[in-house]
Amino acid sequence: MEEIFIPIIAIGSIFIGLPWLVFHYVTKWKQIGTITGEDEKLLDELHYVARQLEERLITVERIIAADNPDFRPLRPERTEAEYDVSRRN
């Protein structure tokens, strides 16, 4: 009786268990590759904060340049066309 159960268990684990395990982890890997809504919201918020900080830095550089004529910013100032907010996702 025991001799019958061992081949049944072995065949079942090879043809049912192993494919199930492979497909299970394939679907898990596919889910990990996508960005969640919460992550996208956080990225949008970080992008918005970075833009605000850059605008503040440009303002500070303008103030310093007005007080000190020898001051030169490390990067050129951006125009309003480069700040196209409609491109945000």
PDB file of N, CA and C in Angstrom:
ATOM      1  N   MET A   1       0.828  -1.188   0.000  1.00  0.00           N
ATOM      2  CA  MET A   1       0.000   0.000   0.000  1.00  0.00           C
ATOM      3  C   MET A   1       0.876   1.257   0.000  1.00  0.00           C
ATOM      4  N   GLU A   2       1.901   1.217   0.779  1.00  0.00           N
ATOM      5  CA  GLU A   2       2.805   2.341   0.857  1.00  0.00           C
ATOM      6  C   GLU A   2       3.563   2.537  -0.450  1.00  0.00           C
ATOM      7  N   GLU A   3       3.772   1.464  -1.176  1.00  0.00           N
ATOM      8  CA  GLU A   3       4.493   1.537  -2.446  1.00  0.00           C
ATOM      9  C   GLU A   3       3.685   2.271  -3.515  1.00  0.00           C
ATOM     10  N   ILE A   4       2.396   2.344  -3.359  1.00  0.00           N
ATOM     11  CA  ILE A   4       1.549   3.045  -4.333  1.00  0.00           C
ATOM     12  C   ILE A   4       1.529   4.549  -4.060  1.00  0.00           C
ATOM     13  N   PHE A   5       1.561   4.956  -2.812  1.00  0.00           N
ATOM     14  CA  PHE A   5       1.458   6.371  -2.452  1.00  0.00           C
ATOM     15  C   PHE A   5       2.721   7.152  -2.806  1.00  0.00           C
ATOM     16  N   ILE A   6       3.871   6.562  -2.700  1.00  0.00           N
ATOM     17  CA  ILE A   6       5.123   7.275  -2.989  1.00  0.00           C
ATOM     18  C   ILE A   6       5.183   7.709  -4.460  1.00  0.00           C
ATOM     19  N   PRO A   7       4.917   6.827  -5.449  1.00  0.00           N
ATOM     20  CA  PRO A   7       4.924   7.308  -6.844  1.00  0.00           C
ATOM     21  C   PRO A   7       3.814   8.321  -7.134  1.00  0.00           C
ATOM     22  N   ILE A   8       2.657   8.175  -6.512  1.00  0.00           N
ATOM     23  CA  ILE A   8       1.573   9.129  -6.724  1.00  0.00           C
ATOM     24  C   ILE A   8       1.957  10.506  -6.189  1.00  0.00           C
ATOM     25  N   ILE A   9       2.560  10.534  -5.034  1.00  0.00           N
ATOM     26  CA  ILE A   9       3.002  11.800  -4.446  1.00  0.00           C
ATOM     27  C   ILE A   9       4.121  12.411  -5.287  1.00  0.00           C
ATOM     28  N   ALA A  10       5.054  11.594  -5.756  1.00  0.00           N
ATOM     29  CA  ALA A  10       6.166  12.099  -6.568  1.00  0.00           C
ATOM     30  C   ALA A  10       5.656  12.654  -7.895  1.00  0.00           C
ATOM     31  N   ILE A  11       4.792  11.942  -8.569  1.00  0.00           N
ATOM     32  CA  ILE A  11       4.252  12.392  -9.853  1.00  0.00           C
ATOM     33  C   ILE A  11       3.383  13.651  -9.650  1.00  0.00           C
ATOM     34  N   GLY A  12       2.587  13.638  -8.610  1.00  0.00           N
ATOM     35  CA  GLY A  12       1.754  14.811  -8.314  1.00  0.00           C
ATOM     36  C   GLY A  12       2.584  16.038  -8.022  1.00  0.00           C
ATOM     37  N   SER A  13       3.667  15.888  -7.268  1.00  0.00           N
ATOM     38  CA  SER A  13       4.495  17.048  -6.960  1.00  0.00           C
ATOM     39  C   SER A  13       5.248  17.538  -8.190  1.00  0.00           C
ATOM     40  N   ILE A  14       5.608  16.631  -9.098  1.00  0.00           N
ATOM     41  CA  ILE A  14       6.321  17.050 -10.312  1.00  0.00           C
ATOM     42  C   ILE A  14       5.381  17.759 -11.285  1.00  0.00           C
ATOM     43  N   PHE A  15       4.216  17.181 -11.542  1.00  0.00           N
ATOM     44  CA  PHE A  15       3.321  17.717 -12.570  1.00  0.00           C
ATOM     45  C   PHE A  15       2.307  18.741 -12.066  1.00  0.00           C
ATOM     46  N   ILE A  16       2.093  18.817 -10.762  1.00  0.00           N
ATOM     47  CA  ILE A  16       1.139  19.800 -10.221  1.00  0.00           C
ATOM     48  C   ILE A  16       1.860  20.822  -9.346  1.00  0.00           C
ATOM     49  N   GLY A  17       2.639  20.350  -8.407  1.00  0.00           N
ATOM     50  CA  GLY A  17       3.287  21.233  -7.440  1.00  0.00           C
ATOM     51  C   GLY A  17       4.340  22.132  -8.054  1.00  0.00           C
ATOM     52  N   LEU A  18       5.212  21.585  -8.879  1.00  0.00           N
ATOM     53  CA  LEU A  18       6.288  22.368  -9.470  1.00  0.00           C
ATOM     54  C   LEU A  18       5.773  23.450 -10.420  1.00  0.00           C
ATOM     55  N   PRO A  19       4.867  23.147 -11.350  1.00  0.00           N
ATOM     56  CA  PRO A  19       4.327  24.246 -12.191  1.00  0.00           C
ATOM     57  C   PRO A  19       3.579  25.302 -11.383  1.00  0.00           C
ATOM     58  N   TRP A  20       2.848  24.871 -10.372  1.00  0.00           N
ATOM     59  CA  TRP A  20       2.148  25.841  -9.533  1.00  0.00           C
ATOM     60  C   TRP A  20       3.149  26.774  -8.864  1.00  0.00           C
ATOM     61  N   LEU A  21       4.244  26.229  -8.354  1.00  0.00           N
ATOM     62  CA  LEU A  21       5.272  27.036  -7.696  1.00  0.00           C
ATOM     63  C   LEU A  21       5.911  28.021  -8.675  1.00  0.00           C
ATOM     64  N   VAL A  22       6.225  27.562  -9.871  1.00  0.00           N
ATOM     65  CA  VAL A  22       6.835  28.433 -10.877  1.00  0.00           C
ATOM     66  C   VAL A  22       5.872  29.551 -11.267  1.00  0.00           C
ATOM     67  N   PHE A  23       4.633  29.223 -11.583  1.00  0.00           N
ATOM     68  CA  PHE A  23       3.670  30.251 -11.986  1.00  0.00           C
ATOM     69  C   PHE A  23       3.356  31.221 -10.851  1.00  0.00           C
ATOM     70  N   HIS A  24       3.361  30.731  -9.638  1.00  0.00           N
ATOM     71  CA  HIS A  24       3.127  31.598  -8.477  1.00  0.00           C
ATOM     72  C   HIS A  24       4.193  32.680  -8.398  1.00  0.00           C
ATOM     73  N   TYR A  25       5.457  32.300  -8.496  1.00  0.00           N
ATOM     74  CA  TYR A  25       6.534  33.283  -8.389  1.00  0.00           C
ATOM     75  C   TYR A  25       6.662  34.148  -9.635  1.00  0.00           C
ATOM     76  N   VAL A  26       6.289  33.651 -10.787  1.00  0.00           N
ATOM     77  CA  VAL A  26       6.289  34.486 -11.985  1.00  0.00           C
ATOM     78  C   VAL A  26       5.287  35.624 -11.822  1.00  0.00           C
ATOM     79  N   THR A  27       4.104  35.329 -11.319  1.00  0.00           N
ATOM     80  CA  THR A  27       3.117  36.392 -11.117  1.00  0.00           C
ATOM     81  C   THR A  27       3.564  37.368 -10.028  1.00  0.00           C
ATOM     82  N   LYS A  28       4.235  36.879  -9.002  1.00  0.00           N
ATOM     83  CA  LYS A  28       4.760  37.771  -7.960  1.00  0.00           C
ATOM     84  C   LYS A  28       5.816  38.708  -8.533  1.00  0.00           C
ATOM     85  N   TRP A  29       6.701  38.215  -9.391  1.00  0.00           N
ATOM     86  CA  TRP A  29       7.731  39.048  -9.994  1.00  0.00           C
ATOM     87  C   TRP A  29       7.116  40.093 -10.912  1.00  0.00           C
ATOM     88  N   LYS A  30       6.057  39.746 -11.606  1.00  0.00           N
ATOM     89  CA  LYS A  30       5.395  40.713 -12.481  1.00  0.00           C
ATOM     90  C   LYS A  30       4.727  41.818 -11.668  1.00  0.00           C
ATOM     91  N   GLN A  31       4.167  41.482 -10.523  1.00  0.00           N
ATOM     92  CA  GLN A  31       3.518  42.483  -9.680  1.00  0.00           C
ATOM     93  C   GLN A  31       4.533  43.436  -9.075  1.00  0.00           C
ATOM     94  N   ILE A  32       5.699  42.950  -8.746  1.00  0.00           N
ATOM     95  CA  ILE A  32       6.726  43.791  -8.141  1.00  0.00           C
ATOM     96  C   ILE A  32       7.233  44.812  -9.146  1.00  0.00           C
ATOM     97  N   GLY A  33       7.253  44.468 -10.425  1.00  0.00           N
ATOM     98  CA  GLY A  33       7.775  45.358 -11.450  1.00  0.00           C
ATOM     99  C   GLY A  33       6.932  46.581 -11.710  1.00  0.00           C
ATOM    100  N   THR A  34       5.702  46.622 -11.245  1.00  0.00           N
ATOM    101  CA  THR A  34       4.835  47.766 -11.506  1.00  0.00           C
ATOM    102  C   THR A  34       4.868  48.734 -10.330  1.00  0.00           C
ATOM    103  N   ILE A  35       4.571  49.980 -10.633  1.00  0.00           N
ATOM    104  CA  ILE A  35       4.536  51.007  -9.591  1.00  0.00           C
ATOM    105  C   ILE A  35       3.105  51.108  -9.067  1.00  0.00           C
ATOM    106  N   THR A  36       2.979  51.223  -7.778  1.00  0.00           N
ATOM    107  CA  THR A  36       1.653  51.310  -7.177  1.00  0.00           C
ATOM    108  C   THR A  36       1.146  52.753  -7.237  1.00  0.00           C
ATOM    109  N   GLY A  37      -0.124  52.910  -7.010  1.00  0.00           N
ATOM    110  CA  GLY A  37      -0.719  54.248  -6.986  1.00  0.00           C
ATOM    111  C   GLY A  37      -0.139  55.108  -5.886  1.00  0.00           C
ATOM    112  N   GLU A  38       0.140  54.500  -4.756  1.00  0.00           N
ATOM    113  CA  GLU A  38       0.728  55.231  -3.628  1.00  0.00           C
ATOM    114  C   GLU A  38       2.141  55.709  -3.972  1.00  0.00           C
ATOM    115  N   ASP A  39       2.916  54.853  -4.654  1.00  0.00           N
ATOM    116  CA  ASP A  39       4.260  55.246  -5.065  1.00  0.00           C
ATOM    117  C   ASP A  39       4.217  56.382  -6.079  1.00  0.00           C
ATOM    118  N   GLU A  40       3.277  56.322  -7.003  1.00  0.00           N
ATOM    119  CA  GLU A  40       3.151  57.370  -8.008  1.00  0.00           C
ATOM    120  C   GLU A  40       2.756  58.693  -7.359  1.00  0.00           C
ATOM    121  N   LYS A  41       1.881  58.629  -6.373  1.00  0.00           N
ATOM    122  CA  LYS A  41       1.463  59.837  -5.650  1.00  0.00           C
ATOM    123  C   LYS A  41       2.656  60.443  -4.895  1.00  0.00           C
ATOM    124  N   LEU A  42       3.468  59.588  -4.280  1.00  0.00           N
ATOM    125  CA  LEU A  42       4.652  60.055  -3.566  1.00  0.00           C
ATOM    126  C   LEU A  42       5.654  60.688  -4.530  1.00  0.00           C
ATOM    127  N   LEU A  43       5.840  60.094  -5.694  1.00  0.00           N
ATOM    128  CA  LEU A  43       6.750  60.666  -6.690  1.00  0.00           C
ATOM    129  C   LEU A  43       6.260  62.024  -7.174  1.00  0.00           C
ATOM    130  N   ASP A  44       4.963  62.167  -7.396  1.00  0.00           N
ATOM    131  CA  ASP A  44       4.414  63.459  -7.796  1.00  0.00           C
ATOM    132  C   ASP A  44       4.644  64.515  -6.724  1.00  0.00           C
ATOM    133  N   GLU A  45       4.443  64.127  -5.481  1.00  0.00           N
ATOM    134  CA  GLU A  45       4.653  65.059  -4.371  1.00  0.00           C
ATOM    135  C   GLU A  45       6.128  65.465  -4.269  1.00  0.00           C
ATOM    136  N   LEU A  46       7.028  64.494  -4.416  1.00  0.00           N
ATOM    137  CA  LEU A  46       8.456  64.805  -4.361  1.00  0.00           C
ATOM    138  C   LEU A  46       8.873  65.693  -5.531  1.00  0.00           C
ATOM    139  N   HIS A  47       8.292  65.462  -6.687  1.00  0.00           N
ATOM    140  CA  HIS A  47       8.589  66.304  -7.849  1.00  0.00           C
ATOM    141  C   HIS A  47       8.123  67.734  -7.602  1.00  0.00           C
ATOM    142  N   TYR A  48       6.959  67.887  -7.031  1.00  0.00           N
ATOM    143  CA  TYR A  48       6.420  69.211  -6.728  1.00  0.00           C
ATOM    144  C   TYR A  48       7.312  69.934  -5.712  1.00  0.00           C
ATOM    145  N   VAL A  49       7.736  69.233  -4.676  1.00  0.00           N
ATOM    146  CA  VAL A  49       8.598  69.839  -3.653  1.00  0.00           C
ATOM    147  C   VAL A  49       9.955  70.221  -4.259  1.00  0.00           C
ATOM    148  N   ALA A  50      10.486  69.375  -5.131  1.00  0.00           N
ATOM    149  CA  ALA A  50      11.765  69.691  -5.772  1.00  0.00           C
ATOM    150  C   ALA A  50      11.649  70.946  -6.628  1.00  0.00           C
ATOM    151  N   ARG A  51      10.550  71.094  -7.321  1.00  0.00           N
ATOM    152  CA  ARG A  51      10.344  72.305  -8.122  1.00  0.00           C
ATOM    153  C   ARG A  51      10.264  73.542  -7.225  1.00  0.00           C
ATOM    154  N   GLN A  52       9.553  73.431  -6.110  1.00  0.00           N
ATOM    155  CA  GLN A  52       9.460  74.563  -5.183  1.00  0.00           C
ATOM    156  C   GLN A  52      10.836  74.936  -4.650  1.00  0.00           C
ATOM    157  N   LEU A  53      11.625  73.934  -4.278  1.00  0.00           N
ATOM    158  CA  LEU A  53      12.963  74.211  -3.757  1.00  0.00           C
ATOM    159  C   LEU A  53      13.859  74.847  -4.816  1.00  0.00           C
ATOM    160  N   GLU A  54      13.723  74.395  -6.057  1.00  0.00           N
ATOM    161  CA  GLU A  54      14.519  74.988  -7.124  1.00  0.00           C
ATOM    162  C   GLU A  54      14.120  76.441  -7.345  1.00  0.00           C
ATOM    163  N   GLU A  55      12.838  76.737  -7.298  1.00  0.00           N
ATOM    164  CA  GLU A  55      12.390  78.123  -7.451  1.00  0.00           C
ATOM    165  C   GLU A  55      12.901  78.992  -6.310  1.00  0.00           C
ATOM    166  N   ARG A  56      12.913  78.456  -5.113  1.00  0.00           N
ATOM    167  CA  ARG A  56      13.441  79.209  -3.964  1.00  0.00           C
ATOM    168  C   ARG A  56      14.932  79.464  -4.120  1.00  0.00           C
ATOM    169  N   LEU A  57      15.659  78.460  -4.620  1.00  0.00           N
ATOM    170  CA  LEU A  57      17.092  78.619  -4.827  1.00  0.00           C
ATOM    171  C   LEU A  57      17.375  79.686  -5.881  1.00  0.00           C
ATOM    172  N   ILE A  58      16.590  79.704  -6.930  1.00  0.00           N
ATOM    173  CA  ILE A  58      16.754  80.725  -7.969  1.00  0.00           C
ATOM    174  C   ILE A  58      16.471  82.108  -7.401  1.00  0.00           C
ATOM    175  N   THR A  59      15.461  82.208  -6.553  1.00  0.00           N
ATOM    176  CA  THR A  59      15.139  83.490  -5.915  1.00  0.00           C
ATOM    177  C   THR A  59      16.285  83.955  -5.035  1.00  0.00           C
ATOM    178  N   VAL A  60      16.851  83.053  -4.256  1.00  0.00           N
ATOM    179  CA  VAL A  60      17.980  83.409  -3.383  1.00  0.00           C
ATOM    180  C   VAL A  60      19.177  83.838  -4.229  1.00  0.00           C
ATOM    181  N   GLU A  61      19.422  83.137  -5.328  1.00  0.00           N
ATOM    182  CA  GLU A  61      20.532  83.510  -6.207  1.00  0.00           C
ATOM    183  C   GLU A  61      20.308  84.890  -6.817  1.00  0.00           C
ATOM    184  N   ARG A  62      19.075  85.220  -7.163  1.00  0.00           N
ATOM    185  CA  ARG A  62      18.775  86.557  -7.700  1.00  0.00           C
ATOM    186  C   ARG A  62      19.036  87.631  -6.651  1.00  0.00           C
ATOM    187  N   ILE A  63      18.635  87.360  -5.420  1.00  0.00           N
ATOM    188  CA  ILE A  63      18.843  88.330  -4.340  1.00  0.00           C
ATOM    189  C   ILE A  63      20.332  88.529  -4.104  1.00  0.00           C
ATOM    190  N   ILE A  64      21.083  87.441  -4.071  1.00  0.00           N
ATOM    191  CA  ILE A  64      22.527  87.546  -3.848  1.00  0.00           C
ATOM    192  C   ILE A  64      23.189  88.269  -5.022  1.00  0.00           C
ATOM    193  N   ALA A  65      22.754  87.968  -6.248  1.00  0.00           N
ATOM    194  CA  ALA A  65      23.327  88.632  -7.419  1.00  0.00           C
ATOM    195  C   ALA A  65      23.019  90.125  -7.412  1.00  0.00           C
ATOM    196  N   ALA A  66      21.875  90.522  -6.886  1.00  0.00           N
ATOM    197  CA  ALA A  66      21.532  91.944  -6.814  1.00  0.00           C
ATOM    198  C   ALA A  66      22.410  92.659  -5.789  1.00  0.00           C
ATOM    199  N   ASP A  67      22.753  91.966  -4.685  1.00  0.00           N
ATOM    200  CA  ASP A  67      23.588  92.577  -3.653  1.00  0.00           C
ATOM    201  C   ASP A  67      25.068  92.525  -3.994  1.00  0.00           C
ATOM    202  N   ASN A  68      25.491  91.495  -4.688  1.00  0.00           N
ATOM    203  CA  ASN A  68      26.905  91.299  -4.992  1.00  0.00           C
ATOM    204  C   ASN A  68      27.068  91.135  -6.504  1.00  0.00           C
ATOM    205  N   PRO A  69      27.589  92.142  -7.194  1.00  0.00           N
ATOM    206  CA  PRO A  69      27.690  92.047  -8.657  1.00  0.00           C
ATOM    207  C   PRO A  69      28.696  90.985  -9.129  1.00  0.00           C
ATOM    208  N   ASP A  70      29.605  90.549  -8.294  1.00  0.00           N
ATOM    209  CA  ASP A  70      30.594  89.539  -8.686  1.00  0.00           C
ATOM    210  C   ASP A  70      30.053  88.111  -8.573  1.00  0.00           C
ATOM    211  N   PHE A  71      28.874  87.967  -7.998  1.00  0.00           N
ATOM    212  CA  PHE A  71      28.304  86.619  -7.818  1.00  0.00           C
ATOM    213  C   PHE A  71      27.822  86.070  -9.154  1.00  0.00           C
ATOM    214  N   ARG A  72      28.182  84.826  -9.419  1.00  0.00           N
ATOM    215  CA  ARG A  72      27.710  84.135 -10.622  1.00  0.00           C
ATOM    216  C   ARG A  72      27.128  82.792 -10.201  1.00  0.00           C
ATOM    217  N   PRO A  73      25.873  82.555 -10.548  1.00  0.00           N
ATOM    218  CA  PRO A  73      25.275  81.258 -10.200  1.00  0.00           C
ATOM    219  C   PRO A  73      25.995  80.122 -10.930  1.00  0.00           C
ATOM    220  N   LEU A  74      25.941  78.948 -10.344  1.00  0.00           N
ATOM    221  CA  LEU A  74      26.612  77.792 -10.937  1.00  0.00           C
ATOM    222  C   LEU A  74      25.931  77.328 -12.214  1.00  0.00           C
ATOM    223  N   ARG A  75      24.645  77.613 -12.351  1.00  0.00           N
ATOM    224  CA  ARG A  75      23.914  77.177 -13.541  1.00  0.00           C
ATOM    225  C   ARG A  75      23.089  78.351 -14.052  1.00  0.00           C
ATOM    226  N   PRO A  76      22.792  78.380 -15.318  1.00  0.00           N
ATOM    227  CA  PRO A  76      21.993  79.489 -15.847  1.00  0.00           C
ATOM    228  C   PRO A  76      20.554  79.417 -15.356  1.00  0.00           C
ATOM    229  N   GLU A  77      19.913  80.568 -15.324  1.00  0.00           N
ATOM    230  CA  GLU A  77      18.515  80.603 -14.889  1.00  0.00           C
ATOM    231  C   GLU A  77      17.624  79.988 -15.948  1.00  0.00           C
ATOM    232  N   ARG A  78      16.550  79.359 -15.508  1.00  0.00           N
ATOM    233  CA  ARG A  78      15.589  78.749 -16.428  1.00  0.00           C
ATOM    234  C   ARG A  78      14.513  79.748 -16.782  1.00  0.00           C
ATOM    235  N   THR A  79      13.977  79.574 -17.956  1.00  0.00           N
ATOM    236  CA  THR A  79      12.880  80.436 -18.383  1.00  0.00           C
ATOM    237  C   THR A  79      11.561  79.804 -17.960  1.00  0.00           C
ATOM    238  N   GLU A  80      10.505  80.572 -18.091  1.00  0.00           N
ATOM    239  CA  GLU A  80       9.184  80.066 -17.713  1.00  0.00           C
ATOM    240  C   GLU A  80       8.736  78.920 -18.619  1.00  0.00           C
ATOM    241  N   ALA A  81       9.205  78.895 -19.865  1.00  0.00           N
ATOM    242  CA  ALA A  81       8.812  77.825 -20.794  1.00  0.00           C
ATOM    243  C   ALA A  81       9.341  76.467 -20.324  1.00  0.00           C
ATOM    244  N   GLU A  82      10.461  76.467 -19.598  1.00  0.00           N
ATOM    245  CA  GLU A  82      11.021  75.211 -19.095  1.00  0.00           C
ATOM    246  C   GLU A  82      10.219  74.686 -17.903  1.00  0.00           C
ATOM    247  N   TYR A  83       9.410  75.524 -17.291  1.00  0.00           N
ATOM    248  CA  TYR A  83       8.605  75.122 -16.138  1.00  0.00           C
ATOM    249  C   TYR A  83       7.187  74.777 -16.570  1.00  0.00           C
ATOM    250  N   ASP A  84       7.035  74.087 -17.642  1.00  0.00           N
ATOM    251  CA  ASP A  84       5.718  73.724 -18.163  1.00  0.00           C
ATOM    252  C   ASP A  84       5.054  72.720 -17.220  1.00  0.00           C
ATOM    253  N   VAL A  85       4.119  73.202 -16.433  1.00  0.00           N
ATOM    254  CA  VAL A  85       3.451  72.355 -15.438  1.00  0.00           C
ATOM    255  C   VAL A  85       2.511  71.368 -16.096  1.00  0.00           C
ATOM    256  N   SER A  86       2.056  71.649 -17.294  1.00  0.00           N
ATOM    257  CA  SER A  86       1.123  70.746 -17.955  1.00  0.00           C
ATOM    258  C   SER A  86       1.764  69.417 -18.321  1.00  0.00           C
ATOM    259  N   ARG A  87       3.077  69.326 -18.285  1.00  0.00           N
ATOM    260  CA  ARG A  87       3.763  68.065 -18.603  1.00  0.00           C
ATOM    261  C   ARG A  87       3.732  67.094 -17.440  1.00  0.00           C
ATOM    262  N   ARG A  88       3.312  67.536 -16.283  1.00  0.00           N
ATOM    263  CA  ARG A  88       3.245  66.631 -15.116  1.00  0.00           C
ATOM    264  C   ARG A  88       2.229  65.565 -15.357  1.00  0.00           C
ATOM    265  N   ASN A  89       2.504  64.386 -14.854  1.00  0.00           N
ATOM    266  CA  ASN A  89       1.563  63.254 -15.006  1.00  0.00           C
ATOM    267  C   ASN A  89       0.480  63.310 -13.984  1.00  0.00           C
TER     268      ASN A  89
END
